[in-house]
Amino acid sequence: MLDKMERFQTPEKSSKAIHFRFPQPVRTGRIVLELEKINKSYDTLKIYQNFSVT
């Protein structure tokens, strides 16, 4: 069955490389995330309590 199938040549790989350059973003100074007094527990096991981060 494979003998009856038409064979295709794969294209040769190009030695060219693609390069991207992105400008540095401007810092906004805005608060991206703020958490206050966060608690996490599993039943009676406290993982963290009153956790805050800005």
N, C-alpha and C. Protein backbone atom coordinates (compact mmCIF):
# COMPACT_ATOMS: atom_id res chain seq x y z
N MET A 1 0.82 -1.19 0.00
CA MET A 1 0.00 0.00 0.00
C MET A 1 0.87 1.26 0.00
N LEU A 2 1.95 1.29 0.79
CA LEU A 2 2.82 2.46 0.83
C LEU A 2 3.54 2.65 -0.50
N ASP A 3 3.79 1.57 -1.22
CA ASP A 3 4.46 1.68 -2.51
C ASP A 3 3.61 2.44 -3.52
N LYS A 4 2.31 2.40 -3.39
CA LYS A 4 1.41 3.05 -4.34
C LYS A 4 1.19 4.53 -4.03
N MET A 5 1.58 4.96 -2.83
CA MET A 5 1.35 6.36 -2.44
C MET A 5 2.38 7.26 -3.09
N GLU A 6 1.94 8.44 -3.47
CA GLU A 6 2.84 9.42 -4.06
C GLU A 6 3.76 9.98 -2.98
N ARG A 7 5.04 10.13 -3.30
CA ARG A 7 6.01 10.63 -2.33
C ARG A 7 6.23 12.12 -2.55
N PHE A 8 6.38 12.82 -1.46
CA PHE A 8 6.62 14.25 -1.51
C PHE A 8 7.98 14.54 -0.89
N GLN A 9 8.67 15.50 -1.44
CA GLN A 9 9.93 15.95 -0.86
C GLN A 9 9.63 17.05 0.15
N THR A 10 10.27 16.96 1.30
CA THR A 10 10.09 18.01 2.29
C THR A 10 10.98 19.19 1.92
N PRO A 11 10.51 20.40 2.12
CA PRO A 11 11.33 21.56 1.78
C PRO A 11 12.56 21.64 2.68
N GLU A 12 13.65 22.15 2.13
CA GLU A 12 14.86 22.29 2.93
C GLU A 12 14.64 23.37 3.98
N LYS A 13 15.27 23.16 5.13
CA LYS A 13 15.13 24.13 6.22
C LYS A 13 15.90 25.39 5.89
N SER A 14 15.31 26.50 6.21
CA SER A 14 15.94 27.79 5.98
C SER A 14 16.89 28.10 7.12
N SER A 15 18.01 28.68 6.82
CA SER A 15 18.97 29.05 7.86
C SER A 15 18.67 30.44 8.43
N LYS A 16 17.64 31.10 7.90
CA LYS A 16 17.28 32.42 8.39
C LYS A 16 16.57 32.31 9.73
N ALA A 17 16.86 33.24 10.62
CA ALA A 17 16.23 33.27 11.93
C ALA A 17 15.34 34.50 12.03
N ILE A 18 14.31 34.40 12.82
CA ILE A 18 13.40 35.52 13.03
C ILE A 18 13.79 36.18 14.35
N HIS A 19 13.90 37.49 14.32
CA HIS A 19 14.25 38.24 15.53
C HIS A 19 13.17 39.29 15.78
N PHE A 20 12.79 39.44 17.04
CA PHE A 20 11.83 40.45 17.45
C PHE A 20 12.49 41.38 18.44
N ARG A 21 12.11 42.63 18.39
CA ARG A 21 12.59 43.60 19.37
C ARG A 21 11.39 44.44 19.79
N PHE A 22 11.10 44.44 21.09
CA PHE A 22 9.98 45.19 21.63
C PHE A 22 10.52 46.34 22.47
N PRO A 23 9.92 47.52 22.40
CA PRO A 23 10.39 48.64 23.22
C PRO A 23 10.06 48.39 24.69
N GLN A 24 10.87 48.97 25.57
CA GLN A 24 10.63 48.85 27.00
C GLN A 24 9.34 49.58 27.35
N PRO A 25 8.45 48.95 28.12
CA PRO A 25 7.20 49.62 28.49
C PRO A 25 7.46 50.72 29.53
N VAL A 26 6.61 51.71 29.52
CA VAL A 26 6.70 52.80 30.49
C VAL A 26 6.08 52.33 31.80
N ARG A 27 6.75 52.60 32.90
CA ARG A 27 6.20 52.23 34.20
C ARG A 27 5.06 53.17 34.55
N THR A 28 3.95 52.59 34.97
CA THR A 28 2.76 53.40 35.24
C THR A 28 2.71 53.93 36.66
N GLY A 29 3.33 53.24 37.60
CA GLY A 29 3.27 53.67 38.98
C GLY A 29 1.98 53.28 39.67
N ARG A 30 1.09 52.62 38.95
CA ARG A 30 -0.19 52.20 39.53
C ARG A 30 0.00 50.92 40.34
N ILE A 31 -0.83 50.74 41.33
CA ILE A 31 -0.84 49.50 42.10
C ILE A 31 -1.54 48.44 41.27
N VAL A 32 -0.86 47.34 41.03
CA VAL A 32 -1.41 46.27 40.21
C VAL A 32 -2.22 45.30 41.06
N LEU A 33 -1.74 45.03 42.28
CA LEU A 33 -2.42 44.08 43.16
C LEU A 33 -2.27 44.56 44.60
N GLU A 34 -3.36 44.50 45.34
CA GLU A 34 -3.31 44.85 46.75
C GLU A 34 -4.23 43.89 47.50
N LEU A 35 -3.67 43.18 48.47
CA LEU A 35 -4.43 42.25 49.31
C LEU A 35 -4.27 42.68 50.76
N GLU A 36 -5.36 42.65 51.51
CA GLU A 36 -5.30 43.02 52.92
C GLU A 36 -6.05 41.98 53.75
N LYS A 37 -5.39 41.54 54.80
CA LYS A 37 -5.96 40.63 55.80
C LYS A 37 -6.57 39.38 55.16
N ILE A 38 -5.77 38.68 54.36
CA ILE A 38 -6.22 37.46 53.69
C ILE A 38 -5.91 36.27 54.58
N ASN A 39 -6.86 35.35 54.66
CA ASN A 39 -6.70 34.13 55.46
C ASN A 39 -6.92 32.91 54.59
N LYS A 40 -6.19 31.84 54.89
CA LYS A 40 -6.38 30.57 54.18
C LYS A 40 -6.17 29.45 55.17
N SER A 41 -7.12 28.50 55.16
CA SER A 41 -7.00 27.34 56.05
C SER A 41 -7.71 26.15 55.43
N TYR A 42 -7.30 24.97 55.87
CA TYR A 42 -7.96 23.72 55.52
C TYR A 42 -8.46 23.12 56.83
N ASP A 43 -9.76 23.15 57.01
CA ASP A 43 -10.37 22.74 58.28
C ASP A 43 -9.73 23.54 59.41
N THR A 44 -9.02 22.90 60.31
CA THR A 44 -8.41 23.61 61.44
C THR A 44 -6.96 24.00 61.17
N LEU A 45 -6.38 23.57 60.05
CA LEU A 45 -4.99 23.89 59.71
C LEU A 45 -4.92 25.27 59.05
N LYS A 46 -4.32 26.24 59.74
CA LYS A 46 -4.19 27.59 59.19
C LYS A 46 -2.94 27.65 58.32
N ILE A 47 -3.11 28.04 57.08
CA ILE A 47 -1.98 28.19 56.16
C ILE A 47 -1.38 29.58 56.32
N TYR A 48 -2.20 30.63 56.26
CA TYR A 48 -1.78 31.98 56.58
C TYR A 48 -2.97 32.75 57.10
N GLN A 49 -2.65 33.78 57.91
CA GLN A 49 -3.70 34.56 58.56
C GLN A 49 -3.30 36.03 58.57
N ASN A 50 -4.25 36.91 58.25
CA ASN A 50 -4.01 38.36 58.18
C ASN A 50 -2.85 38.72 57.25
N PHE A 51 -2.78 38.06 56.11
CA PHE A 51 -1.72 38.29 55.12
C PHE A 51 -2.08 39.51 54.28
N SER A 52 -1.12 40.43 54.13
CA SER A 52 -1.34 41.63 53.32
C SER A 52 -0.15 41.84 52.40
N VAL A 53 -0.42 42.29 51.18
CA VAL A 53 0.65 42.59 50.21
C VAL A 53 0.15 43.67 49.26
N THR A 54 1.07 44.54 48.84
CA THR A 54 0.74 45.58 47.85
C THR A 54 1.69 45.43 46.68
